[in-house]
PDB file of N, CA and C in Angstrom:
ATOM      1  N   GLN A   1     124.548 122.651  31.532  1.00  0.00           N
ATOM      2  CA  GLN A   1     124.664 121.254  31.197  1.00  0.00           C
ATOM      3  C   GLN A   1     124.022 120.371  32.254  1.00  0.00           C
ATOM      4  N   ASN A   2     123.246 120.963  33.097  1.00  0.00           N
ATOM      5  CA  ASN A   2     122.548 120.195  34.123  1.00  0.00           C
ATOM      6  C   ASN A   2     121.111 119.945  33.712  1.00  0.00           C
ATOM      7  N   TYR A   3     120.948 119.113  32.715  1.00  0.00           N
ATOM      8  CA  TYR A   3     119.606 118.736  32.291  1.00  0.00           C
ATOM      9  C   TYR A   3     119.597 117.237  32.039  1.00  0.00           C
ATOM     10  N   PRO A   4     118.491 116.583  32.370  1.00  0.00           N
ATOM     11  CA  PRO A   4     118.426 115.129  32.230  1.00  0.00           C
ATOM     12  C   PRO A   4     118.386 114.695  30.766  1.00  0.00           C
ATOM     13  N   LEU A   5     119.171 113.673  30.463  1.00  0.00           N
ATOM     14  CA  LEU A   5     119.151 113.071  29.132  1.00  0.00           C
ATOM     15  C   LEU A   5     118.204 111.882  29.095  1.00  0.00           C
ATOM     16  N   TYR A   6     117.888 111.345  30.274  1.00  0.00           N
ATOM     17  CA  TYR A   6     117.060 110.142  30.335  1.00  0.00           C
ATOM     18  C   TYR A   6     116.411 110.077  31.708  1.00  0.00           C
ATOM     19  N   ILE A   7     115.109 109.954  31.739  1.00  0.00           N
ATOM     20  CA  ILE A   7     114.391 109.751  33.002  1.00  0.00           C
ATOM     21  C   ILE A   7     113.418 108.606  32.797  1.00  0.00           C
ATOM     22  N   ARG A   8     113.453 107.682  33.737  1.00  0.00           N
ATOM     23  CA  ARG A   8     112.568 106.516  33.660  1.00  0.00           C
ATOM     24  C   ARG A   8     111.992 106.293  35.049  1.00  0.00           C
ATOM     25  N   SER A   9     110.693 106.115  35.151  1.00  0.00           N
ATOM     26  CA  SER A   9     110.084 105.860  36.453  1.00  0.00           C
ATOM     27  C   SER A   9     109.029 104.776  36.332  1.00  0.00           C
ATOM     28  N   VAL A  10     108.851 104.071  37.434  1.00  0.00           N
ATOM     29  CA  VAL A  10     107.792 103.074  37.542  1.00  0.00           C
ATOM     30  C   VAL A  10     107.060 103.383  38.831  1.00  0.00           C
ATOM     31  N   PRO A  11     105.808 103.692  38.833  1.00  0.00           N
ATOM     32  CA  PRO A  11     104.910 103.863  37.690  1.00  0.00           C
ATOM     33  C   PRO A  11     105.184 105.191  36.988  1.00  0.00           C
ATOM     34  N   THR A  12     104.756 105.300  35.764  1.00  0.00           N
ATOM     35  CA  THR A  12     105.066 106.476  34.954  1.00  0.00           C
ATOM     36  C   THR A  12     104.300 107.723  35.385  1.00  0.00           C
ATOM     37  N   GLU A  13     103.288 107.584  36.205  1.00  0.00           N
ATOM     38  CA  GLU A  13     102.521 108.747  36.656  1.00  0.00           C
ATOM     39  C   GLU A  13     103.371 109.711  37.479  1.00  0.00           C
ATOM     40  N   ASN A  14     104.419 109.200  38.108  1.00  0.00           N
ATOM     41  CA  ASN A  14     105.258 110.026  38.978  1.00  0.00           C
ATOM     42  C   ASN A  14     106.397 110.717  38.235  1.00  0.00           C
ATOM     43  N   GLU A  15     106.425 110.631  36.927  1.00  0.00           N
ATOM     44  CA  GLU A  15     107.580 111.123  36.183  1.00  0.00           C
ATOM     45  C   GLU A  15     107.826 112.617  36.392  1.00  0.00           C
ATOM     46  N   LEU A  16     106.796 113.422  36.440  1.00  0.00           N
ATOM     47  CA  LEU A  16     106.966 114.861  36.644  1.00  0.00           C
ATOM     48  C   LEU A  16     107.571 115.149  38.015  1.00  0.00           C
ATOM     49  N   LYS A  17     107.136 114.408  39.014  1.00  0.00           N
ATOM     50  CA  LYS A  17     107.692 114.565  40.362  1.00  0.00           C
ATOM     51  C   LYS A  17     109.182 114.234  40.359  1.00  0.00           C
ATOM     52  N   PHE A  18     109.563 113.214  39.596  1.00  0.00           N
ATOM     53  CA  PHE A  18     110.969 112.823  39.545  1.00  0.00           C
ATOM     54  C   PHE A  18     111.818 113.827  38.772  1.00  0.00           C
ATOM     55  N   HIS A  19     111.235 114.530  37.827  1.00  0.00           N
ATOM     56  CA  HIS A  19     111.971 115.604  37.149  1.00  0.00           C
ATOM     57  C   HIS A  19     112.449 116.621  38.180  1.00  0.00           C
ATOM     58  N   TYR A  20     111.562 117.011  39.067  1.00  0.00           N
ATOM     59  CA  TYR A  20     111.917 117.961  40.119  1.00  0.00           C
ATOM     60  C   TYR A  20     112.996 117.376  41.035  1.00  0.00           C
ATOM     61  N   THR A  21     112.814 116.135  41.461  1.00  0.00           N
ATOM     62  CA  THR A  21     113.773 115.490  42.355  1.00  0.00           C
ATOM     63  C   THR A  21     115.146 115.394  41.711  1.00  0.00           C
ATOM     64  N   VAL A  22     115.187 115.021  40.438  1.00  0.00           N
ATOM     65  CA  VAL A  22     116.466 114.897  39.733  1.00  0.00           C
ATOM     66  C   VAL A  22     117.136 116.262  39.600  1.00  0.00           C
ATOM     67  N   HIS A  23     116.383 117.285  39.251  1.00  0.00           N
ATOM     68  CA  HIS A  23     116.972 118.623  39.112  1.00  0.00           C
ATOM     69  C   HIS A  23     117.534 119.132  40.433  1.00  0.00           C
ATOM     70  N   THR A  24     116.819 118.925  41.524  1.00  0.00           N
ATOM     71  CA  THR A  24     117.335 119.375  42.816  1.00  0.00           C
ATOM     72  C   THR A  24     118.550 118.560  43.238  1.00  0.00           C
ATOM     73  N   SER A  25     118.576 117.286  42.892  1.00  0.00           N
ATOM     74  CA  SER A  25     119.723 116.458  43.268  1.00  0.00           C
ATOM     75  C   SER A  25     120.966 116.821  42.459  1.00  0.00           C
ATOM     76  N   LEU A  26     120.795 117.353  41.257  1.00  0.00           N
ATOM     77  CA  LEU A  26     121.952 117.786  40.470  1.00  0.00           C
ATOM     78  C   LEU A  26     122.701 118.914  41.173  1.00  0.00           C
ATOM     79  N   ASP A  27     121.979 119.758  41.902  1.00  0.00           N
ATOM     80  CA  ASP A  27     122.630 120.801  42.687  1.00  0.00           C
ATOM     81  C   ASP A  27     123.472 120.189  43.801  1.00  0.00           C
ATOM     82  N   VAL A  28     122.958 119.147  44.433  1.00  0.00           N
ATOM     83  CA  VAL A  28     123.700 118.460  45.491  1.00  0.00           C
ATOM     84  C   VAL A  28     124.946 117.797  44.906  1.00  0.00           C
ATOM     85  N   VAL A  29     124.814 117.202  43.724  1.00  0.00           N
ATOM     86  CA  VAL A  29     125.964 116.583  43.052  1.00  0.00           C
ATOM     87  C   VAL A  29     127.028 117.638  42.786  1.00  0.00           C
ATOM     88  N   ASP A  30     126.634 118.798  42.273  1.00  0.00           N
ATOM     89  CA  ASP A  30     127.591 119.873  42.008  1.00  0.00           C
ATOM     90  C   ASP A  30     128.295 120.328  43.279  1.00  0.00           C
ATOM     91  N   GLU A  31     127.559 120.418  44.376  1.00  0.00           N
ATOM     92  CA  GLU A  31     128.162 120.798  45.654  1.00  0.00           C
ATOM     93  C   GLU A  31     129.198 119.776  46.096  1.00  0.00           C
ATOM     94  N   LYS A  32     128.863 118.494  45.952  1.00  0.00           N
ATOM     95  CA  LYS A  32     129.804 117.444  46.357  1.00  0.00           C
ATOM     96  C   LYS A  32     131.043 117.442  45.467  1.00  0.00           C
ATOM     97  N   ILE A  33     130.850 117.683  44.171  1.00  0.00           N
ATOM     98  CA  ILE A  33     131.984 117.715  43.248  1.00  0.00           C
ATOM     99  C   ILE A  33     132.908 118.878  43.587  1.00  0.00           C
ATOM    100  N   SER A  34     132.342 120.047  43.837  1.00  0.00           N
ATOM    101  CA  SER A  34     133.178 121.204  44.156  1.00  0.00           C
ATOM    102  C   SER A  34     133.876 121.021  45.500  1.00  0.00           C
ATOM    103  N   ALA A  35     133.246 120.323  46.436  1.00  0.00           N
ATOM    104  CA  ALA A  35     133.875 120.055  47.727  1.00  0.00           C
ATOM    105  C   ALA A  35     135.041 119.082  47.582  1.00  0.00           C
ATOM    106  N   MET A  36     134.934 118.167  46.611  1.00  0.00           N
ATOM    107  CA  MET A  36     136.015 117.204  46.380  1.00  0.00           C
ATOM    108  C   MET A  36     137.231 117.886  45.761  1.00  0.00           C
ATOM    109  N   GLY A  37     136.984 118.902  44.936  1.00  0.00           N
ATOM    110  CA  GLY A  37     138.082 119.648  44.326  1.00  0.00           C
ATOM    111  C   GLY A  37     138.910 118.804  43.384  1.00  0.00           C
ATOM    112  N   LYS A  38     140.226 118.871  43.571  1.00  0.00           N
ATOM    113  CA  LYS A  38     141.147 118.176  42.664  1.00  0.00           C
ATOM    114  C   LYS A  38     141.142 116.674  42.863  1.00  0.00           C
ATOM    115  N   ALA A  39     140.657 116.197  43.965  1.00  0.00           N
ATOM    116  CA  ALA A  39     140.616 114.750  44.202  1.00  0.00           C
ATOM    117  C   ALA A  39     139.759 114.065  43.151  1.00  0.00           C
ATOM    118  N   LEU A  40     138.754 114.768  42.637  1.00  0.00           N
ATOM    119  CA  LEU A  40     137.874 114.204  41.616  1.00  0.00           C
ATOM    120  C   LEU A  40     138.631 113.954  40.321  1.00  0.00           C
ATOM    121  N   VAL A  41     139.560 114.832  39.977  1.00  0.00           N
ATOM    122  CA  VAL A  41     140.308 114.706  38.726  1.00  0.00           C
ATOM    123  C   VAL A  41     141.150 113.436  38.732  1.00  0.00           C
ATOM    124  N   ASP A  42     141.644 113.052  39.897  1.00  0.00           N
ATOM    125  CA  ASP A  42     142.532 111.899  39.999  1.00  0.00           C
ATOM    126  C   ASP A  42     141.795 110.570  39.920  1.00  0.00           C
ATOM    127  N   GLN A  43     140.496 110.561  40.142  1.00  0.00           N
ATOM    128  CA  GLN A  43     139.748 109.309  40.158  1.00  0.00           C
ATOM    129  C   GLN A  43     139.112 109.036  38.806  1.00  0.00           C
ATOM    130  N   ARG A  44     139.001 107.759  38.477  1.00  0.00           N
ATOM    131  CA  ARG A  44     138.384 107.347  37.218  1.00  0.00           C
ATOM    132  C   ARG A  44     136.878 107.544  37.247  1.00  0.00           C
ATOM    133  N   GLU A  45     136.287 107.251  38.358  1.00  0.00           N
ATOM    134  CA  GLU A  45     134.845 107.423  38.533  1.00  0.00           C
ATOM    135  C   GLU A  45     134.589 107.765  39.990  1.00  0.00           C
ATOM    136  N   LEU A  46     133.455 108.311  40.250  1.00  0.00           N
ATOM    137  CA  LEU A  46     133.170 108.728  41.614  1.00  0.00           C
ATOM    138  C   LEU A  46     131.743 108.368  41.977  1.00  0.00           C
ATOM    139  N   TYR A  47     131.619 107.420  42.897  1.00  0.00           N
ATOM    140  CA  TYR A  47     130.313 107.075  43.445  1.00  0.00           C
ATOM    141  C   TYR A  47     130.078 108.014  44.615  1.00  0.00           C
ATOM    142  N   LEU A  48     129.049 108.819  44.526  1.00  0.00           N
ATOM    143  CA  LEU A  48     128.790 109.815  45.557  1.00  0.00           C
ATOM    144  C   LEU A  48     127.967 109.271  46.711  1.00  0.00           C
ATOM    145  N   GLY A  49     127.346 108.125  46.512  1.00  0.00           N
ATOM    146  CA  GLY A  49     126.536 107.533  47.563  1.00  0.00           C
ATOM    147  C   GLY A  49     125.208 108.241  47.721  1.00  0.00           C
ATOM    148  N   LEU A  50     124.676 108.189  48.921  1.00  0.00           N
ATOM    149  CA  LEU A  50     123.383 108.804  49.212  1.00  0.00           C
ATOM    150  C   LEU A  50     123.533 110.322  49.172  1.00  0.00           C
ATOM    151  N   LEU A  51     122.821 110.959  48.252  1.00  0.00           N
ATOM    152  CA  LEU A  51     122.859 112.421  48.153  1.00  0.00           C
ATOM    153  C   LEU A  51     121.984 113.040  49.228  1.00  0.00           C
ATOM    154  N   TYR A  52     120.757 112.584  49.292  1.00  0.00           N
ATOM    155  CA  TYR A  52     119.866 113.021  50.362  1.00  0.00           C
ATOM    156  C   TYR A  52     118.647 112.103  50.415  1.00  0.00           C
ATOM    157  N   PRO A  53     118.172 111.852  51.622  1.00  0.00           N
ATOM    158  CA  PRO A  53     116.937 111.069  51.755  1.00  0.00           C
ATOM    159  C   PRO A  53     115.738 112.009  51.887  1.00  0.00           C
ATOM    160  N   THR A  54     114.613 111.572  51.378  1.00  0.00           N
ATOM    161  CA  THR A  54     113.351 112.276  51.608  1.00  0.00           C
ATOM    162  C   THR A  54     112.451 111.319  52.381  1.00  0.00           C
ATOM    163  N   GLU A  55     111.252 111.740  52.640  1.00  0.00           N
ATOM    164  CA  GLU A  55     110.332 110.875  53.376  1.00  0.00           C
ATOM    165  C   GLU A  55     109.990 109.624  52.575  1.00  0.00           C
ATOM    166  N   ASP A  56     109.878 109.777  51.261  1.00  0.00           N
ATOM    167  CA  ASP A  56     109.459 108.669  50.407  1.00  0.00           C
ATOM    168  C   ASP A  56     110.591 108.008  49.634  1.00  0.00           C
ATOM    169  N   TYR A  57     111.686 108.737  49.388  1.00  0.00           N
ATOM    170  CA  TYR A  57     112.730 108.243  48.488  1.00  0.00           C
ATOM    171  C   TYR A  57     114.127 108.480  49.045  1.00  0.00           C
ATOM    172  N   LYS A  58     115.066 107.720  48.496  1.00  0.00           N
ATOM    173  CA  LYS A  58     116.489 107.949  48.726  1.00  0.00           C
ATOM    174  C   LYS A  58     117.094 108.284  47.370  1.00  0.00           C
ATOM    175  N   VAL A  59     117.922 109.307  47.326  1.00  0.00           N
ATOM    176  CA  VAL A  59     118.510 109.770  46.075  1.00  0.00           C
ATOM    177  C   VAL A  59     120.012 109.519  46.126  1.00  0.00           C
ATOM    178  N   TYR A  60     120.514 108.761  45.137  1.00  0.00           N
ATOM    179  CA  TYR A  60     121.924 108.411  45.044  1.00  0.00           C
ATOM    180  C   TYR A  60     122.549 109.080  43.823  1.00  0.00           C
ATOM    181  N   GLY A  61     123.862 109.298  43.883  1.00  0.00           N
ATOM    182  CA  GLY A  61     124.541 109.952  42.775  1.00  0.00           C
ATOM    183  C   GLY A  61     125.837 109.282  42.386  1.00  0.00           C
ATOM    184  N   TYR A  62     126.241 109.532  41.140  1.00  0.00           N
ATOM    185  CA  TYR A  62     127.445 108.941  40.560  1.00  0.00           C
ATOM    186  C   TYR A  62     127.942 109.906  39.488  1.00  0.00           C
ATOM    187  N   VAL A  63     129.243 110.142  39.437  1.00  0.00           N
ATOM    188  CA  VAL A  63     129.826 111.046  38.446  1.00  0.00           C
ATOM    189  C   VAL A  63     131.014 110.355  37.805  1.00  0.00           C
ATOM    190  N   THR A  64     131.135 110.502  36.489  1.00  0.00           N
ATOM    191  CA  THR A  64     132.284 109.929  35.788  1.00  0.00           C
ATOM    192  C   THR A  64     133.385 110.975  35.684  1.00  0.00           C
ATOM    193  N   ASN A  65     134.544 110.552  35.176  1.00  0.00           N
ATOM    194  CA  ASN A  65     135.652 111.490  35.021  1.00  0.00           C
ATOM    195  C   ASN A  65     135.362 112.558  33.973  1.00  0.00           C
ATOM    196  N   SER A  66     134.412 112.310  33.099  1.00  0.00           N
ATOM    197  CA  SER A  66     134.034 113.306  32.088  1.00  0.00           C
ATOM    198  C   SER A  66     132.851 114.155  32.554  1.00  0.00           C
ATOM    199  N   LYS A  67     132.563 114.116  33.854  1.00  0.00           N
ATOM    200  CA  LYS A  67     131.522 114.922  34.497  1.00  0.00           C
ATOM    201  C   LYS A  67     130.099 114.549  34.088  1.00  0.00           C
ATOM    202  N   VAL A  68     129.899 113.328  33.611  1.00  0.00           N
ATOM    203  CA  VAL A  68     128.547 112.830  33.353  1.00  0.00           C
ATOM    204  C   VAL A  68     127.966 112.416  34.703  1.00  0.00           C
ATOM    205  N   LYS A  69     126.769 112.890  34.988  1.00  0.00           N
ATOM    206  CA  LYS A  69     126.145 112.650  36.285  1.00  0.00           C
ATOM    207  C   LYS A  69     124.993 111.676  36.132  1.00  0.00           C
ATOM    208  N   PHE A  70     124.975 110.689  37.012  1.00  0.00           N
ATOM    209  CA  PHE A  70     123.870 109.737  37.071  1.00  0.00           C
ATOM    210  C   PHE A  70     123.189 109.908  38.421  1.00  0.00           C
ATOM    211  N   VAL A  71     121.867 109.924  38.403  1.00  0.00           N
ATOM    212  CA  VAL A  71     121.088 110.050  39.632  1.00  0.00           C
ATOM    213  C   VAL A  71     120.082 108.914  39.662  1.00  0.00           C
ATOM    214  N   MET A  72     119.988 108.267  40.812  1.00  0.00           N
ATOM    215  CA  MET A  72     119.046 107.167  40.980  1.00  0.00           C
ATOM    216  C   MET A  72     118.167 107.471  42.192  1.00  0.00           C
ATOM    217  N   VAL A  73     116.866 107.367  41.996  1.00  0.00           N
ATOM    218  CA  VAL A  73     115.904 107.607  43.069  1.00  0.00           C
ATOM    219  C   VAL A  73     115.246 106.276  43.398  1.00  0.00           C
ATOM    220  N   VAL A  74     115.357 105.872  44.665  1.00  0.00           N
ATOM    221  CA  VAL A  74     114.867 104.568  45.110  1.00  0.00           C
ATOM    222  C   VAL A  74     113.849 104.788  46.222  1.00  0.00           C
ATOM    223  N   ASP A  75     112.832 103.966  46.246  1.00  0.00           N
ATOM    224  CA  ASP A  75     111.811 104.030  47.288  1.00  0.00           C
ATOM    225  C   ASP A  75     112.460 103.779  48.651  1.00  0.00           C
ATOM    226  N   SER A  76     112.164 104.612  49.621  1.00  0.00           N
ATOM    227  CA  SER A  76     112.756 104.482  50.960  1.00  0.00           C
ATOM    228  C   SER A  76     112.372 103.187  51.650  1.00  0.00           C
ATOM    229  N   SER A  77     111.236 102.629  51.276  1.00  0.00           N
ATOM    230  CA  SER A  77     110.787 101.395  51.923  1.00  0.00           C
ATOM    231  C   SER A  77     111.577 100.177  51.452  1.00  0.00           C
ATOM    232  N   ASN A  78     112.379 100.325  50.400  1.00  0.00           N
ATOM    233  CA  ASN A  78     113.183  99.214  49.888  1.00  0.00           C
ATOM    234  C   ASN A  78     114.457  99.101  50.723  1.00  0.00           C
ATOM    235  N   THR A  79     114.399  98.301  51.782  1.00  0.00           N
ATOM    236  CA  THR A  79     115.548  98.144  52.672  1.00  0.00           C
ATOM    237  C   THR A  79     116.474  97.028  52.221  1.00  0.00           C
ATOM    238  N   ALA A  80     116.048  96.231  51.249  1.00  0.00           N
ATOM    239  CA  ALA A  80     116.872  95.117  50.778  1.00  0.00           C
ATOM    240  C   ALA A  80     118.010  95.589  49.879  1.00  0.00           C
ATOM    241  N   LEU A  81     117.907  96.790  49.340  1.00  0.00           N
ATOM    242  CA  LEU A  81     118.900  97.310  48.406  1.00  0.00           C
ATOM    243  C   LEU A  81     120.089  97.869  49.178  1.00  0.00           C
ATOM    244  N   ARG A  82     121.250  97.262  48.975  1.00  0.00           N
ATOM    245  CA  ARG A  82     122.470  97.652  49.676  1.00  0.00           C
ATOM    246  C   ARG A  82     123.284  98.644  48.845  1.00  0.00           C
ATOM    247  N   ASP A  83     124.227  99.284  49.511  1.00  0.00           N
ATOM    248  CA  ASP A  83     125.068 100.289  48.867  1.00  0.00           C
ATOM    249  C   ASP A  83     125.893  99.701  47.727  1.00  0.00           C
ATOM    250  N   ASN A  84     126.428  98.487  47.924  1.00  0.00           N
ATOM    251  CA  ASN A  84     127.231  97.873  46.856  1.00  0.00           C
ATOM    252  C   ASN A  84     126.374  97.506  45.649  1.00  0.00           C
ATOM    253  N   GLU A  85     125.095  97.204  45.855  1.00  0.00           N
ATOM    254  CA  GLU A  85     124.190  96.930  44.729  1.00  0.00           C
ATOM    255  C   GLU A  85     123.890  98.210  43.949  1.00  0.00           C
ATOM    256  N   ILE A  86     123.733  99.313  44.669  1.00  0.00           N
ATOM    257  CA  ILE A  86     123.524 100.612  44.009  1.00  0.00           C
ATOM    258  C   ILE A  86     124.755 100.962  43.176  1.00  0.00           C
ATOM    259  N   ARG A  87     125.931 100.768  43.749  1.00  0.00           N
ATOM    260  CA  ARG A  87     127.182 101.051  43.034  1.00  0.00           C
ATOM    261  C   ARG A  87     127.279 100.197  41.769  1.00  0.00           C
ATOM    262  N   SER A  88     126.912  98.929  41.868  1.00  0.00           N
ATOM    263  CA  SER A  88     126.930  98.029  40.710  1.00  0.00           C
ATOM    264  C   SER A  88     125.944  98.488  39.639  1.00  0.00           C
ATOM    265  N   MET A  89     124.779  98.953  40.060  1.00  0.00           N
ATOM    266  CA  MET A  89     123.792  99.449  39.101  1.00  0.00           C
ATOM    267  C   MET A  89     124.312 100.696  38.386  1.00  0.00           C
ATOM    268  N   PHE A  90     124.993 101.566  39.110  1.00  0.00           N
ATOM    269  CA  PHE A  90     125.579 102.747  38.473  1.00  0.00           C
ATOM    270  C   PHE A  90     126.655 102.356  37.459  1.00  0.00           C
ATOM    271  N   ARG A  91     127.435 101.344  37.779  1.00  0.00           N
ATOM    272  CA  ARG A  91     128.461 100.892  36.820  1.00  0.00           C
ATOM    273  C   ARG A  91     127.819 100.353  35.551  1.00  0.00           C
ATOM    274  N   LYS A  92     126.717  99.620  35.704  1.00  0.00           N
ATOM    275  CA  LYS A  92     126.000  99.124  34.521  1.00  0.00           C
ATOM    276  C   LYS A  92     125.461 100.283  33.687  1.00  0.00           C
ATOM    277  N   LEU A  93     124.907 101.284  34.360  1.00  0.00           N
ATOM    278  CA  LEU A  93     124.428 102.472  33.652  1.00  0.00           C
ATOM    279  C   LEU A  93     125.570 103.165  32.915  1.00  0.00           C
ATOM    280  N   HIS A  94     126.701 103.283  33.599  1.00  0.00           N
ATOM    281  CA  HIS A  94     127.866 103.934  32.999  1.00  0.00           C
ATOM    282  C   HIS A  94     128.340 103.162  31.768  1.00  0.00           C
ATOM    283  N   ASN A  95     128.404 101.849  31.861  1.00  0.00           N
ATOM    284  CA  ASN A  95     128.825 101.030  30.714  1.00  0.00           C
ATOM    285  C   ASN A  95     127.847 101.159  29.551  1.00  0.00           C
ATOM    286  N   SER A  96     126.564 101.159  29.837  1.00  0.00           N
ATOM    287  CA  SER A  96     125.564 101.312  28.775  1.00  0.00           C
ATOM    288  C   SER A  96     125.631 102.698  28.155  1.00  0.00           C
ATOM    289  N   TYR A  97     125.883 103.708  28.974  1.00  0.00           N
ATOM    290  CA  TYR A  97     126.030 105.063  28.447  1.00  0.00           C
ATOM    291  C   TYR A  97     127.263 105.151  27.548  1.00  0.00           C
ATOM    292  N   THR A  98     128.324 104.468  27.933  1.00  0.00           N
ATOM    293  CA  THR A  98     129.533 104.437  27.106  1.00  0.00           C
ATOM    294  C   THR A  98     129.235 103.802  25.756  1.00  0.00           C
ATOM    295  N   ASP A  99     128.441 102.738  25.752  1.00  0.00           N
ATOM    296  CA  ASP A  99     128.040 102.113  24.486  1.00  0.00           C
ATOM    297  C   ASP A  99     127.267 103.097  23.610  1.00  0.00           C
ATOM    298  N   ILE A 100     126.406 103.892  24.221  1.00  0.00           N
ATOM    299  CA  ILE A 100     125.645 104.886  23.464  1.00  0.00           C
ATOM    300  C   ILE A 100     126.585 105.939  22.881  1.00  0.00           C
ATOM    301  N   MET A 101     127.551 106.374  23.669  1.00  0.00           N
ATOM    302  CA  MET A 101     128.495 107.391  23.195  1.00  0.00           C
ATOM    303  C   MET A 101     129.344 106.879  22.033  1.00  0.00           C
ATOM    304  N   CYS A 102     129.552 105.569  21.973  1.00  0.00           N
ATOM    305  CA  CYS A 102     130.335 104.985  20.874  1.00  0.00           C
ATOM    306  C   CYS A 102     129.528 104.869  19.586  1.00  0.00           C
ATOM    307  N   ASN A 103     128.236 105.088  19.655  1.00  0.00           N
ATOM    308  CA  ASN A 103     127.383 105.037  18.476  1.00  0.00           C
ATOM    309  C   ASN A 103     127.625 106.291  17.636  1.00  0.00           C
ATOM    310  N   PRO A 104     128.038 106.135  16.379  1.00  0.00           N
ATOM    311  CA  PRO A 104     128.335 107.319  15.558  1.00  0.00           C
ATOM    312  C   PRO A 104     127.096 108.155  15.226  1.00  0.00           C
ATOM    313  N   PHE A 105     125.907 107.612  15.427  1.00  0.00           N
ATOM    314  CA  PHE A 105     124.686 108.348  15.123  1.00  0.00           C
ATOM    315  C   PHE A 105     124.125 109.100  16.328  1.00  0.00           C
ATOM    316  N   TYR A 106     124.765 108.952  17.473  1.00  0.00           N
ATOM    317  CA  TYR A 106     124.317 109.661  18.673  1.00  0.00           C
ATOM    318  C   TYR A 106     125.090 110.969  18.806  1.00  0.00           C
ATOM    319  N   ASN A 107     124.376 112.056  19.018  1.00  0.00           N
ATOM    320  CA  ASN A 107     124.994 113.358  19.266  1.00  0.00           C
ATOM    321  C   ASN A 107     125.053 113.586  20.770  1.00  0.00           C
ATOM    322  N   PRO A 108     126.251 113.737  21.340  1.00  0.00           N
ATOM    323  CA  PRO A 108     126.354 113.966  22.783  1.00  0.00           C
ATOM    324  C   PRO A 108     125.501 115.162  23.209  1.00  0.00           C
ATOM    325  N   GLY A 109     124.758 114.968  24.279  1.00  0.00           N
ATOM    326  CA  GLY A 109     123.872 116.005  24.782  1.00  0.00           C
ATOM    327  C   GLY A 109     122.427 115.816  24.374  1.00  0.00           C
ATOM    328  N   ASP A 110     122.176 114.955  23.378  1.00  0.00           N
ATOM    329  CA  ASP A 110     120.800 114.662  22.971  1.00  0.00           C
ATOM    330  C   ASP A 110     120.159 113.713  23.980  1.00  0.00           C
ATOM    331  N   HIS A 111     118.838 113.728  24.027  1.00  0.00           N
ATOM    332  CA  HIS A 111     118.131 112.761  24.871  1.00  0.00           C
ATOM    333  C   HIS A 111     118.444 111.352  24.383  1.00  0.00           C
ATOM    334  N   ILE A 112     118.481 110.422  25.312  1.00  0.00           N
ATOM    335  CA  ILE A 112     118.841 109.040  24.985  1.00  0.00           C
ATOM    336  C   ILE A 112     117.601 108.289  24.527  1.00  0.00           C
ATOM    337  N   HIS A 113     117.681 107.779  23.301  1.00  0.00           N
ATOM    338  CA  HIS A 113     116.623 106.938  22.729  1.00  0.00           C
ATOM    339  C   HIS A 113     117.295 105.673  22.214  1.00  0.00           C
ATOM    340  N   SER A 114     117.418 104.688  23.087  1.00  0.00           N
ATOM    341  CA  SER A 114     118.115 103.458  22.736  1.00  0.00           C
ATOM    342  C   SER A 114     117.372 102.275  23.337  1.00  0.00           C
ATOM    343  N   ARG A 115     117.053 101.301  22.504  1.00  0.00           N
ATOM    344  CA  ARG A 115     116.364 100.098  23.012  1.00  0.00           C
ATOM    345  C   ARG A 115     117.247  99.333  23.982  1.00  0.00           C
ATOM    346  N   ALA A 116     118.535  99.233  23.662  1.00  0.00           N
ATOM    347  CA  ALA A 116     119.450  98.502  24.538  1.00  0.00           C
ATOM    348  C   ALA A 116     119.518  99.172  25.911  1.00  0.00           C
ATOM    349  N   PHE A 117     119.597 100.494  25.929  1.00  0.00           N
ATOM    350  CA  PHE A 117     119.634 101.225  27.197  1.00  0.00           C
ATOM    351  C   PHE A 117     118.312 101.055  27.944  1.00  0.00           C
ATOM    352  N   ASP A 118     117.194 101.170  27.227  1.00  0.00           N
ATOM    353  CA  ASP A 118     115.876 100.954  27.839  1.00  0.00           C
ATOM    354  C   ASP A 118     115.766  99.564  28.457  1.00  0.00           C
ATOM    355  N   ASN A 119     116.212  98.552  27.721  1.00  0.00           N
ATOM    356  CA  ASN A 119     116.138  97.174  28.220  1.00  0.00           C
ATOM    357  C   ASN A 119     116.994  96.989  29.464  1.00  0.00           C
ATOM    358  N   MET A 120     118.181  97.582  29.462  1.00  0.00           N
ATOM    359  CA  MET A 120     119.063  97.465  30.619  1.00  0.00           C
ATOM    360  C   MET A 120     118.429  98.151  31.831  1.00  0.00           C
ATOM    361  N   VAL A 121     117.878  99.340  31.640  1.00  0.00           N
ATOM    362  CA  VAL A 121     117.229 100.060  32.739  1.00  0.00           C
ATOM    363  C   VAL A 121     116.001  99.288  33.230  1.00  0.00           C
ATOM    364  N   ASN A 122     115.213  98.762  32.307  1.00  0.00           N
ATOM    365  CA  ASN A 122     114.038  97.968  32.701  1.00  0.00           C
ATOM    366  C   ASN A 122     114.430  96.754  33.524  1.00  0.00           C
ATOM    367  N   SER A 123     115.484  96.055  33.115  1.00  0.00           N
ATOM    368  CA  SER A 123     115.913  94.868  33.870  1.00  0.00           C
ATOM    369  C   SER A 123     116.399  95.257  35.262  1.00  0.00           C
ATOM    370  N   MET A 124     117.095  96.385  35.377  1.00  0.00           N
ATOM    371  CA  MET A 124     117.540  96.843  36.695  1.00  0.00           C
ATOM    372  C   MET A 124     116.348  97.213  37.570  1.00  0.00           C
ATOM    373  N   MET A 125     115.360  97.859  36.977  1.00  0.00           N
ATOM    374  CA  MET A 125     114.189  98.272  37.750  1.00  0.00           C
ATOM    375  C   MET A 125     113.361  97.069  38.189  1.00  0.00           C
ATOM    376  N   MET A 126     113.302  96.040  37.365  1.00  0.00           N
ATOM    377  CA  MET A 126     112.570  94.824  37.741  1.00  0.00           C
ATOM    378  C   MET A 126     113.260  94.110  38.895  1.00  0.00           C
ATOM    379  N   GLN A 127     114.592  94.148  38.939  1.00  0.00           N
ATOM    380  CA  GLN A 127     115.322  93.521  40.037  1.00  0.00           C
ATOM    381  C   GLN A 127     115.059  94.248  41.349  1.00  0.00           C
ATOM    382  N   VAL A 128     114.930  95.560  41.279  1.00  0.00           N
ATOM    383  CA  VAL A 128     114.751  96.374  42.477  1.00  0.00           C
ATOM    384  C   VAL A 128     113.316  96.313  42.983  1.00  0.00           C
ATOM    385  N   CYS A 129     112.358  96.312  42.071  1.00  0.00           N
ATOM    386  CA  CYS A 129     110.935  96.346  42.465  1.00  0.00           C
ATOM    387  C   CYS A 129     110.442  95.023  42.973  1.00  0.00           C
TER     388      CYS A 129
END
């Protein structure tokens, strides 16, 4: 169940590189979840914070109580982006994902194809860039 349902990058030429980054970060998320143990069950949501930095990017993670994992990759040169802003962006993603799950025509586990979700992600990316 560790496969991306949605990947969006700007510029789009780097999308393949981000597939690799997201897949490797899912392993880090799993390690952090297993290290948390039962404490994770008691929390409604879990912001994992910075998973790992690379030379070019910072990778952040977020997990819901239903084990849905969100990964965000941000350019390392973006120093204006604070931790509380990243947390807020993850909450927006989580809320939009919840809206998708409430759609009776969406099958859980399918790739996400939603204009509303795309628009929300685009607006978040425009704020960051």
